[in-house]
Protein backbone atom coordinates (compact mmCIF):
# COMPACT_ATOMS: atom_id res chain seq x y z
CA MET A 1 -123.34 -239.21 -2.77
CA ALA A 2 -121.00 -237.47 -5.22
CA GLN A 3 -120.48 -233.76 -4.67
CA GLN A 4 -121.00 -231.52 -7.70
CA ASN A 5 -118.77 -228.57 -8.49
CA GLN A 6 -120.14 -225.44 -6.90
CA THR A 7 -119.22 -221.80 -7.37
CA PRO A 8 -118.31 -219.70 -4.32
CA HIS A 9 -121.94 -218.58 -4.12
CA GLY A 10 -123.29 -222.13 -3.96
CA ARG A 11 -124.43 -222.32 -7.57
CA HIS A 12 -123.59 -225.38 -9.63
CA GLU A 13 -121.25 -225.03 -12.57
CA ASP A 14 -122.38 -226.27 -15.96
CA PRO A 15 -120.59 -229.30 -17.36
CA PRO A 16 -117.80 -228.33 -19.78
CA GLU A 17 -119.86 -229.43 -22.81
CA VAL A 18 -122.53 -226.79 -22.05
CA GLN A 19 -121.71 -223.52 -23.77
CA ASN A 20 -122.93 -220.13 -22.65
CA PRO A 21 -124.94 -218.60 -25.53
CA LYS A 22 -124.02 -215.10 -24.34
CA VAL A 23 -120.32 -215.81 -24.90
CA ASN A 24 -120.66 -217.31 -28.38
CA PRO A 25 -124.08 -216.38 -29.78
CA ASP A 26 -125.26 -218.56 -32.64
CA GLN A 27 -125.92 -216.26 -35.58
CA GLU A 28 -128.16 -218.91 -37.12
CA SER A 29 -130.37 -219.30 -34.06
CA ASN A 30 -134.00 -218.30 -33.93
CA GLN A 31 -133.51 -215.76 -31.15
CA ILE A 32 -134.86 -212.99 -33.37
CA LYS A 33 -138.20 -213.96 -34.82
CA ASP A 34 -140.37 -212.09 -37.24
CA PRO A 35 -143.16 -210.45 -35.20
CA ASP A 36 -145.68 -212.13 -37.49
CA ASP A 37 -144.42 -215.47 -36.16
CA TRP A 38 -144.72 -214.59 -32.45
CA VAL A 39 -147.03 -216.87 -30.50
CA THR A 40 -148.21 -213.92 -28.39
CA GLY A 41 -148.07 -211.35 -31.21
CA HIS A 42 -151.85 -210.95 -31.20
CA GLU A 43 -151.91 -209.87 -27.56
CA PRO A 44 -152.11 -206.16 -26.66
CA MET A 45 -148.78 -204.36 -26.77
CA THR A 46 -146.86 -204.15 -23.53
CA GLY A 47 -146.58 -201.01 -21.46
CA ALA A 48 -142.93 -200.70 -22.46
CA GLN A 49 -143.84 -200.94 -26.14
CA ALA A 50 -146.58 -198.33 -25.73
CA SER A 51 -144.25 -195.91 -23.97
CA TYR A 52 -141.44 -196.35 -26.49
CA LEU A 53 -143.80 -196.11 -29.46
CA LYS A 54 -145.33 -192.92 -28.06
CA THR A 55 -141.88 -191.39 -27.60
CA LEU A 56 -140.69 -192.40 -31.07
CA SER A 57 -143.86 -191.14 -32.73
CA GLU A 58 -143.36 -187.74 -31.08
CA GLN A 59 -139.69 -187.63 -32.08
CA ALA A 60 -140.61 -188.49 -35.66
CA HIS A 61 -143.33 -185.81 -35.65
CA GLU A 62 -145.81 -188.55 -36.55
CA PRO A 63 -148.29 -188.61 -33.64
CA LYS A 64 -150.67 -190.81 -35.63
CA ALA A 65 -148.01 -193.56 -35.64
CA TYR A 66 -149.00 -194.20 -32.03
CA ASP A 67 -152.14 -196.29 -31.80
CA PRO A 68 -153.03 -197.66 -28.35
CA GLU A 69 -154.96 -200.52 -29.96
CA LEU A 70 -151.92 -202.13 -31.64
CA ASP A 71 -151.01 -205.67 -30.76
CA LYS A 72 -147.49 -206.72 -29.78
CA ALA A 73 -146.44 -207.70 -33.29
CA GLU A 74 -147.75 -204.54 -34.96
CA ALA A 75 -146.24 -202.36 -32.24
CA SER A 76 -142.87 -204.03 -32.73
CA LYS A 77 -142.97 -203.46 -36.48
CA ARG A 78 -144.00 -199.82 -36.05
CA ILE A 79 -141.24 -199.27 -33.47
CA ASP A 80 -138.66 -200.69 -35.89
CA GLN A 81 -139.97 -198.43 -38.65
CA LEU A 82 -139.83 -195.31 -36.47
CA LYS A 83 -136.37 -196.20 -35.17
CA GLN A 84 -135.13 -196.25 -38.75
CA GLU A 85 -136.82 -192.95 -39.52
CA THR A 86 -135.45 -191.21 -36.43
CA GLY A 87 -132.04 -192.88 -36.47
CA ARG A 88 -132.48 -194.19 -32.92
């Protein structure tokens, strides 16, 4: 049985033809999708989204911008909007 290259911690190294996307990110990739295209965009927003949206809405002095009934996609769009308004 052929032995594969292992790192000092016992993990296998990737073959040389495999590139790490963190080192050379592809600017044309689909890593950033429009929230309207998210498969799970219709699901309730996450706890992290709710917390961040609440904080941003308070900082922007727009408490009505926080709506606990938003789905993931709408929460993401509202967070982006408030980030622009608050410069955060």
